[in-house]
Amino acid sequence: MRFPAAGLLLLVVLGFGSFGAFVRAQAPTTTASPPPATKAAKAPVSWDADMLRFDEEDRASPPPTSPIVFTGSSSIRRWDVLLQDFPKHRVLNRGFGGSQLSDLRKHFDRAILRYNPRQVAIYSGSNDIDAGKSVESVVDDLKAIVGRIHQELPKTRVLYISNALNPARWAQRDKVIAANKAIAEFLARDPRDAYVDVTAAMLGEDGQPKPEIFVADRLHMNRKGYELWIPLIEPLLVAP
């Protein structure tokens, strides 16, 4: 069959058009991926309310002269019968729950210095590890706090209560143990400093945390837990 030249040209054009449509139909369709969502930076925690609470407590009941200041995170903050547990000593609870050593370092004057304590008992560091800080960072913050105590209060003793191993943060135990070891070695250099290991008393024969000494969150201790701490801490407190 013969086609006029004009007709042949039209068929060629239509053929290319159909082939182009076929190629477009077979090509995978791609859509631009949305940019990854950026995590909103966490706002720094303010402990101003806790510092104001200390002010109010001081006004309501003036703190004792040269007390033993217990400070640090929630295990101290929740120790609401501290006075009854250490009746031979003038103790003062200045814990603020959820805090890290860096927070204690920031609020050193209001949580420690202004009381001119004869001893400072510190329980803090596990929240730092839970926040992803390195062992070195935890130890450095403690060194800075102890350094200020000895610089500004040369006669004041320091007692560090080891970071506990608990069921809720059992996966972090290697870092906790490493931090405790490094802190104990650091404190051993100065006779004014002491370290008390509470971890062994909190573990059962199976090497796991004793479940009966924790509240429902498996992080904080109940009364049974504090009763394990008392005989370990009391001999290391400085007498009036």
C-alpha atoms as a PDB file:
ATOM      1  CA  MET A   1       0.000   0.000   0.000  1.00  0.00           C
ATOM      2  CA  ARG A   2       1.312   3.397  -0.916  1.00  0.00           C
ATOM      3  CA  PHE A   3       0.881   6.532   1.209  1.00  0.00           C
ATOM      4  CA  PRO A   4       1.166  10.084   0.030  1.00  0.00           C
ATOM      5  CA  ALA A   5       4.257  11.852   1.411  1.00  0.00           C
ATOM      6  CA  ALA A   6       2.156  14.066   3.674  1.00  0.00           C
ATOM      7  CA  GLY A   7       0.315  11.044   5.074  1.00  0.00           C
ATOM      8  CA  LEU A   8       3.569   9.189   5.731  1.00  0.00           C
ATOM      9  CA  LEU A   9       4.947  12.132   7.666  1.00  0.00           C
ATOM     10  CA  LEU A  10       1.790  12.262   9.784  1.00  0.00           C
ATOM     11  CA  LEU A  11       2.111   8.569  10.665  1.00  0.00           C
ATOM     12  CA  VAL A  12       5.747   8.994  11.719  1.00  0.00           C
ATOM     13  CA  VAL A  13       4.847  11.921  13.999  1.00  0.00           C
ATOM     14  CA  LEU A  14       1.937  10.020  15.531  1.00  0.00           C
ATOM     15  CA  GLY A  15       4.157   6.985  16.009  1.00  0.00           C
ATOM     16  CA  PHE A  16       6.778   8.935  17.940  1.00  0.00           C
ATOM     17  CA  GLY A  17       4.056  10.513  20.025  1.00  0.00           C
ATOM     18  CA  SER A  18       2.654   7.089  20.961  1.00  0.00           C
ATOM     19  CA  PHE A  19       6.160   5.747  21.784  1.00  0.00           C
ATOM     20  CA  GLY A  20       6.865   8.769  24.012  1.00  0.00           C
ATOM     21  CA  ALA A  21       3.617   8.196  25.877  1.00  0.00           C
ATOM     22  CA  PHE A  22       4.575   4.522  26.321  1.00  0.00           C
ATOM     23  CA  VAL A  23       8.001   5.449  27.772  1.00  0.00           C
ATOM     24  CA  ARG A  24       6.444   7.973  30.155  1.00  0.00           C
ATOM     25  CA  ALA A  25       3.923   5.376  31.307  1.00  0.00           C
ATOM     26  CA  GLN A  26       6.659   2.808  32.031  1.00  0.00           C
ATOM     27  CA  ALA A  27       9.035   5.224  33.855  1.00  0.00           C
ATOM     28  CA  PRO A  28       8.788   5.026  37.672  1.00  0.00           C
ATOM     29  CA  THR A  29       7.175   8.020  39.217  1.00  0.00           C
ATOM     30  CA  THR A  30       9.181   9.743  41.948  1.00  0.00           C
ATOM     31  CA  THR A  31       8.002  12.245  44.480  1.00  0.00           C
ATOM     32  CA  ALA A  32      10.294  14.473  46.462  1.00  0.00           C
ATOM     33  CA  SER A  33      10.758  13.185  50.018  1.00  0.00           C
ATOM     34  CA  PRO A  34       9.799  15.667  52.702  1.00  0.00           C
ATOM     35  CA  PRO A  35      12.774  17.034  54.655  1.00  0.00           C
ATOM     36  CA  PRO A  36      13.450  15.056  57.833  1.00  0.00           C
ATOM     37  CA  ALA A  37      11.737  16.472  60.879  1.00  0.00           C
ATOM     38  CA  THR A  38      14.151  18.189  63.187  1.00  0.00           C
ATOM     39  CA  LYS A  39      13.899  17.443  66.867  1.00  0.00           C
ATOM     40  CA  ALA A  40      12.964  20.395  68.947  1.00  0.00           C
ATOM     41  CA  ALA A  41      15.761  21.145  71.376  1.00  0.00           C
ATOM     42  CA  LYS A  42      14.776  20.520  74.967  1.00  0.00           C
ATOM     43  CA  ALA A  43      14.523  23.656  76.994  1.00  0.00           C
ATOM     44  CA  PRO A  44      16.898  23.654  79.958  1.00  0.00           C
ATOM     45  CA  VAL A  45      15.197  22.706  83.196  1.00  0.00           C
ATOM     46  CA  SER A  46      14.806  25.561  85.651  1.00  0.00           C
ATOM     47  CA  TRP A  47      15.286  24.781  89.322  1.00  0.00           C
ATOM     48  CA  ASP A  48      14.288  28.247  90.486  1.00  0.00           C
ATOM     49  CA  ALA A  49      11.152  26.882  92.154  1.00  0.00           C
ATOM     50  CA  ASP A  50      13.275  24.511  94.232  1.00  0.00           C
ATOM     51  CA  MET A  51      15.662  27.292  95.219  1.00  0.00           C
ATOM     52  CA  LEU A  52      12.678  29.388  96.290  1.00  0.00           C
ATOM     53  CA  ARG A  53      11.418  26.407  98.252  1.00  0.00           C
ATOM     54  CA  PHE A  54      14.730  26.321 100.100  1.00  0.00           C
ATOM     55  CA  ASP A  55      14.326  30.044 100.877  1.00  0.00           C
ATOM     56  CA  GLU A  56      10.832  29.488 102.238  1.00  0.00           C
ATOM     57  CA  GLU A  57      11.903  26.518 104.354  1.00  0.00           C
ATOM     58  CA  ASP A  58      14.795  28.533 105.776  1.00  0.00           C
ATOM     59  CA  ARG A  59      12.421  31.338 106.747  1.00  0.00           C
ATOM     60  CA  ALA A  60       9.888  28.946 108.264  1.00  0.00           C
ATOM     61  CA  SER A  61      12.507  26.975 110.176  1.00  0.00           C
ATOM     62  CA  PRO A  62      16.033  28.437 110.325  1.00  0.00           C
ATOM     63  CA  PRO A  63      18.576  25.764 109.374  1.00  0.00           C
ATOM     64  CA  PRO A  64      20.950  24.465 112.056  1.00  0.00           C
ATOM     65  CA  THR A  65      24.447  25.859 112.426  1.00  0.00           C
ATOM     66  CA  SER A  66      27.078  23.945 110.448  1.00  0.00           C
ATOM     67  CA  PRO A  67      24.706  21.178 109.327  1.00  0.00           C
ATOM     68  CA  ILE A  68      25.341  18.125 107.232  1.00  0.00           C
ATOM     69  CA  VAL A  69      23.727  19.088 103.943  1.00  0.00           C
ATOM     70  CA  PHE A  70      22.245  16.184 102.005  1.00  0.00           C
ATOM     71  CA  THR A  71      21.822  17.250  98.406  1.00  0.00           C
ATOM     72  CA  GLY A  72      21.403  15.809  94.933  1.00  0.00           C
ATOM     73  CA  SER A  73      18.551  14.246  93.019  1.00  0.00           C
ATOM     74  CA  SER A  74      15.255  12.567  93.827  1.00  0.00           C
ATOM     75  CA  SER A  75      16.557   9.887  96.188  1.00  0.00           C
ATOM     76  CA  ILE A  76      17.547  12.744  98.499  1.00  0.00           C
ATOM     77  CA  ARG A  77      14.508  14.899  97.735  1.00  0.00           C
ATOM     78  CA  ARG A  78      12.197  12.013  98.645  1.00  0.00           C
ATOM     79  CA  TRP A  79      14.032  11.245 101.886  1.00  0.00           C
ATOM     80  CA  ASP A  80      11.467  13.112 103.948  1.00  0.00           C
ATOM     81  CA  VAL A  81      12.405  11.517 107.294  1.00  0.00           C
ATOM     82  CA  LEU A  82      16.090  12.362 107.131  1.00  0.00           C
ATOM     83  CA  LEU A  83      16.003  14.020 110.551  1.00  0.00           C
ATOM     84  CA  GLN A  84      14.475  10.949 112.185  1.00  0.00           C
ATOM     85  CA  ASP A  85      16.915   8.592 110.466  1.00  0.00           C
ATOM     86  CA  PHE A  86      19.992  10.466 111.713  1.00  0.00           C
ATOM     87  CA  PRO A  87      18.902  11.853 115.095  1.00  0.00           C
ATOM     88  CA  LYS A  88      22.466  12.289 116.379  1.00  0.00           C
ATOM     89  CA  HIS A  89      23.329  14.724 113.601  1.00  0.00           C
ATOM     90  CA  ARG A  90      22.175  18.132 112.444  1.00  0.00           C
ATOM     91  CA  VAL A  91      21.111  17.209 108.924  1.00  0.00           C
ATOM     92  CA  LEU A  92      19.482  19.371 106.278  1.00  0.00           C
ATOM     93  CA  ASN A  93      17.745  18.053 103.155  1.00  0.00           C
ATOM     94  CA  ARG A  94      18.485  20.161 100.097  1.00  0.00           C
ATOM     95  CA  GLY A  95      17.752  17.662  97.347  1.00  0.00           C
ATOM     96  CA  PHE A  96      15.892  18.631  94.188  1.00  0.00           C
ATOM     97  CA  GLY A  97      14.420  15.723  92.273  1.00  0.00           C
ATOM     98  CA  GLY A  98      15.414  15.103  88.677  1.00  0.00           C
ATOM     99  CA  SER A  99      18.550  17.198  88.971  1.00  0.00           C
ATOM    100  CA  GLN A 100      21.983  16.362  87.617  1.00  0.00           C
ATOM    101  CA  LEU A 101      25.450  17.149  88.933  1.00  0.00           C
ATOM    102  CA  SER A 102      25.625  20.018  86.464  1.00  0.00           C
ATOM    103  CA  ASP A 103      22.504  21.493  88.125  1.00  0.00           C
ATOM    104  CA  LEU A 104      24.049  21.160  91.565  1.00  0.00           C
ATOM    105  CA  ARG A 105      27.149  22.828  90.197  1.00  0.00           C
ATOM    106  CA  LYS A 106      25.047  25.713  88.870  1.00  0.00           C
ATOM    107  CA  HIS A 107      23.132  26.158  92.130  1.00  0.00           C
ATOM    108  CA  PHE A 108      26.092  25.508  94.403  1.00  0.00           C
ATOM    109  CA  ASP A 109      25.707  28.753  96.373  1.00  0.00           C
ATOM    110  CA  ARG A 110      22.027  28.259  97.187  1.00  0.00           C
ATOM    111  CA  ALA A 111      22.040  24.510  97.772  1.00  0.00           C
ATOM    112  CA  ILE A 112      25.360  24.202  99.616  1.00  0.00           C
ATOM    113  CA  LEU A 113      27.526  27.248 100.278  1.00  0.00           C
ATOM    114  CA  ARG A 114      25.105  29.462 102.167  1.00  0.00           C
ATOM    115  CA  TYR A 115      24.651  26.846 104.898  1.00  0.00           C
ATOM    116  CA  ASN A 116      28.362  26.690 105.739  1.00  0.00           C
ATOM    117  CA  PRO A 117      28.033  22.921 106.215  1.00  0.00           C
ATOM    118  CA  ARG A 118      30.518  20.799 108.102  1.00  0.00           C
ATOM    119  CA  GLN A 119      29.807  18.008 105.605  1.00  0.00           C
ATOM    120  CA  VAL A 120      28.059  17.646 102.263  1.00  0.00           C
ATOM    121  CA  ALA A 121      26.467  14.299 101.375  1.00  0.00           C
ATOM    122  CA  ILE A 122      25.825  14.037  97.635  1.00  0.00           C
ATOM    123  CA  TYR A 123      23.666  11.586  95.716  1.00  0.00           C
ATOM    124  CA  SER A 124      23.661  12.599  92.063  1.00  0.00           C
ATOM    125  CA  GLY A 125      24.937  11.353  88.735  1.00  0.00           C
ATOM    126  CA  SER A 126      22.513   8.666  87.590  1.00  0.00           C
ATOM    127  CA  ASN A 127      20.234  11.233  85.951  1.00  0.00           C
ATOM    128  CA  ASP A 128      23.257  12.539  84.064  1.00  0.00           C
ATOM    129  CA  ILE A 129      23.949   9.060  82.692  1.00  0.00           C
ATOM    130  CA  ASP A 130      20.280   8.585  81.825  1.00  0.00           C
ATOM    131  CA  ALA A 131      20.462  11.851  79.859  1.00  0.00           C
ATOM    132  CA  GLY A 132      23.267  10.380  77.746  1.00  0.00           C
ATOM    133  CA  LYS A 133      26.246  12.087  79.362  1.00  0.00           C
ATOM    134  CA  SER A 134      29.580  10.323  79.390  1.00  0.00           C
ATOM    135  CA  VAL A 135      31.242   8.951  82.500  1.00  0.00           C
ATOM    136  CA  GLU A 136      33.968  11.564  82.055  1.00  0.00           C
ATOM    137  CA  SER A 137      31.401  14.369  82.067  1.00  0.00           C
ATOM    138  CA  VAL A 138      29.809  13.064  85.268  1.00  0.00           C
ATOM    139  CA  VAL A 139      33.162  12.822  87.027  1.00  0.00           C
ATOM    140  CA  ASP A 140      34.259  16.267  85.803  1.00  0.00           C
ATOM    141  CA  ASP A 141      31.134  17.903  87.228  1.00  0.00           C
ATOM    142  CA  LEU A 142      31.662  16.202  90.576  1.00  0.00           C
ATOM    143  CA  LYS A 143      35.309  17.272  90.618  1.00  0.00           C
ATOM    144  CA  ALA A 144      34.228  20.865  90.057  1.00  0.00           C
ATOM    145  CA  ILE A 145      31.732  20.704  92.942  1.00  0.00           C
ATOM    146  CA  VAL A 146      34.192  19.079  95.342  1.00  0.00           C
ATOM    147  CA  GLY A 147      36.864  21.574  94.261  1.00  0.00           C
ATOM    148  CA  ARG A 148      34.610  24.502  95.149  1.00  0.00           C
ATOM    149  CA  ILE A 149      33.718  22.965  98.493  1.00  0.00           C
ATOM    150  CA  HIS A 150      37.370  22.582  99.458  1.00  0.00           C
ATOM    151  CA  GLN A 151      38.294  25.996  98.116  1.00  0.00           C
ATOM    152  CA  GLU A 152      35.526  27.977  99.801  1.00  0.00           C
ATOM    153  CA  LEU A 153      34.908  25.697 102.802  1.00  0.00           C
ATOM    154  CA  PRO A 154      38.331  24.169 103.531  1.00  0.00           C
ATOM    155  CA  LYS A 155      37.219  22.307 106.667  1.00  0.00           C
ATOM    156  CA  THR A 156      34.093  20.822 105.112  1.00  0.00           C
ATOM    157  CA  ARG A 157      34.013  17.100 104.428  1.00  0.00           C
ATOM    158  CA  VAL A 158      32.391  15.449 101.409  1.00  0.00           C
ATOM    159  CA  LEU A 159      30.487  12.163 101.382  1.00  0.00           C
ATOM    160  CA  TYR A 160      29.448  10.740  98.032  1.00  0.00           C
ATOM    161  CA  ILE A 161      26.714   8.105  97.966  1.00  0.00           C
ATOM    162  CA  SER A 162      27.266   5.741  95.050  1.00  0.00           C
ATOM    163  CA  ASN A 163      24.834   5.728  92.167  1.00  0.00           C
ATOM    164  CA  ALA A 164      22.359   2.923  92.728  1.00  0.00           C
ATOM    165  CA  LEU A 165      21.547   0.128  90.318  1.00  0.00           C
ATOM    166  CA  ASN A 166      17.800  -0.088  89.803  1.00  0.00           C
ATOM    167  CA  PRO A 167      15.485  -2.174  87.622  1.00  0.00           C
ATOM    168  CA  ALA A 168      14.225   0.747  85.539  1.00  0.00           C
ATOM    169  CA  ARG A 169      17.734   1.642  84.337  1.00  0.00           C
ATOM    170  CA  TRP A 170      19.343  -1.773  84.466  1.00  0.00           C
ATOM    171  CA  ALA A 171      20.538  -1.393  80.864  1.00  0.00           C
ATOM    172  CA  GLN A 172      22.763   1.495  82.003  1.00  0.00           C
ATOM    173  CA  ARG A 173      24.500  -0.517  84.715  1.00  0.00           C
ATOM    174  CA  ASP A 174      27.915  -0.671  82.994  1.00  0.00           C
ATOM    175  CA  LYS A 175      28.138   3.134  82.794  1.00  0.00           C
ATOM    176  CA  VAL A 176      26.867   3.485  86.366  1.00  0.00           C
ATOM    177  CA  ILE A 177      29.488   1.046  87.637  1.00  0.00           C
ATOM    178  CA  ALA A 178      32.219   2.813  85.649  1.00  0.00           C
ATOM    179  CA  ALA A 179      31.168   6.209  87.033  1.00  0.00           C
ATOM    180  CA  ASN A 180      31.092   4.891  90.590  1.00  0.00           C
ATOM    181  CA  LYS A 181      34.584   3.417  90.199  1.00  0.00           C
ATOM    182  CA  ALA A 182      36.055   6.631  88.785  1.00  0.00           C
ATOM    183  CA  ILE A 183      34.406   8.740  91.497  1.00  0.00           C
ATOM    184  CA  ALA A 184      35.625   6.443  94.279  1.00  0.00           C
ATOM    185  CA  GLU A 185      39.184   6.664  92.948  1.00  0.00           C
ATOM    186  CA  PHE A 186      38.998  10.449  92.761  1.00  0.00           C
ATOM    187  CA  LEU A 187      37.635  10.854  96.296  1.00  0.00           C
ATOM    188  CA  ALA A 188      40.279   8.530  97.729  1.00  0.00           C
ATOM    189  CA  ARG A 189      42.928  11.189  97.052  1.00  0.00           C
ATOM    190  CA  ASP A 190      41.766  13.591  99.781  1.00  0.00           C
ATOM    191  CA  PRO A 191      41.221  12.571 103.426  1.00  0.00           C
ATOM    192  CA  ARG A 192      38.353  15.058 103.653  1.00  0.00           C
ATOM    193  CA  ASP A 193      36.363  13.026 101.132  1.00  0.00           C
ATOM    194  CA  ALA A 194      34.583   9.692 101.549  1.00  0.00           C
ATOM    195  CA  TYR A 195      32.691   7.330  99.299  1.00  0.00           C
ATOM    196  CA  VAL A 196      29.961   4.959 100.428  1.00  0.00           C
ATOM    197  CA  ASP A 197      28.948   2.036  98.234  1.00  0.00           C
ATOM    198  CA  VAL A 198      25.228   1.309  98.558  1.00  0.00           C
ATOM    199  CA  THR A 199      24.950  -0.877  95.464  1.00  0.00           C
ATOM    200  CA  ALA A 200      25.930  -4.201  97.030  1.00  0.00           C
ATOM    201  CA  ALA A 201      23.269  -3.898  99.735  1.00  0.00           C
ATOM    202  CA  MET A 202      20.625  -3.245  97.067  1.00  0.00           C
ATOM    203  CA  LEU A 203      21.348  -6.409  95.071  1.00  0.00           C
ATOM    204  CA  GLY A 204      20.029  -9.878  95.788  1.00  0.00           C
ATOM    205  CA  GLU A 205      21.907 -13.170  95.671  1.00  0.00           C
ATOM    206  CA  ASP A 206      21.146 -13.360  91.951  1.00  0.00           C
ATOM    207  CA  GLY A 207      23.004 -10.110  91.337  1.00  0.00           C
ATOM    208  CA  GLN A 208      19.791  -8.292  90.395  1.00  0.00           C
ATOM    209  CA  PRO A 209      18.255  -5.306  92.235  1.00  0.00           C
ATOM    210  CA  LYS A 210      16.000  -6.411  95.075  1.00  0.00           C
ATOM    211  CA  PRO A 211      12.476  -5.759  93.735  1.00  0.00           C
ATOM    212  CA  GLU A 212      10.976  -5.311  97.192  1.00  0.00           C
ATOM    213  CA  ILE A 213      12.946  -2.107  97.891  1.00  0.00           C
ATOM    214  CA  PHE A 214      11.509  -0.105  94.983  1.00  0.00           C
ATOM    215  CA  VAL A 215       8.226   1.693  94.419  1.00  0.00           C
ATOM    216  CA  ALA A 216       6.073   0.984  91.359  1.00  0.00           C
ATOM    217  CA  ASP A 217       8.288   2.963  88.948  1.00  0.00           C
ATOM    218  CA  ARG A 218      11.172   0.541  89.719  1.00  0.00           C
ATOM    219  CA  LEU A 219      13.462   3.573  89.917  1.00  0.00           C
ATOM    220  CA  HIS A 220      12.904   5.153  93.324  1.00  0.00           C
ATOM    221  CA  MET A 221      13.245   3.381  96.634  1.00  0.00           C
ATOM    222  CA  ASN A 222      10.576   2.711  99.200  1.00  0.00           C
ATOM    223  CA  ARG A 223      11.216   2.743 102.942  1.00  0.00           C
ATOM    224  CA  LYS A 224      12.965  -0.639 102.818  1.00  0.00           C
ATOM    225  CA  GLY A 225      15.559   0.815 100.463  1.00  0.00           C
ATOM    226  CA  TYR A 226      16.378   3.728 102.757  1.00  0.00           C
ATOM    227  CA  GLU A 227      16.691   1.326 105.669  1.00  0.00           C
ATOM    228  CA  LEU A 228      19.509  -0.367 103.752  1.00  0.00           C
ATOM    229  CA  TRP A 229      21.267   2.975 103.275  1.00  0.00           C
ATOM    230  CA  ILE A 230      21.110   4.238 106.853  1.00  0.00           C
ATOM    231  CA  PRO A 231      23.650   1.870 108.509  1.00  0.00           C
ATOM    232  CA  LEU A 232      26.071   2.399 105.620  1.00  0.00           C
ATOM    233  CA  ILE A 233      25.924   6.206 105.723  1.00  0.00           C
ATOM    234  CA  GLU A 234      25.644   6.892 109.454  1.00  0.00           C
ATOM    235  CA  PRO A 235      29.207   5.830 110.430  1.00  0.00           C
ATOM    236  CA  LEU A 236      30.644   8.217 107.832  1.00  0.00           C
ATOM    237  CA  LEU A 237      28.797  11.322 109.048  1.00  0.00           C
ATOM    238  CA  VAL A 238      30.879  13.938 110.845  1.00  0.00           C
ATOM    239  CA  ALA A 239      29.896  14.345 114.487  1.00  0.00           C
ATOM    240  CA  PRO A 240      28.921  17.828 115.711  1.00  0.00           C
END
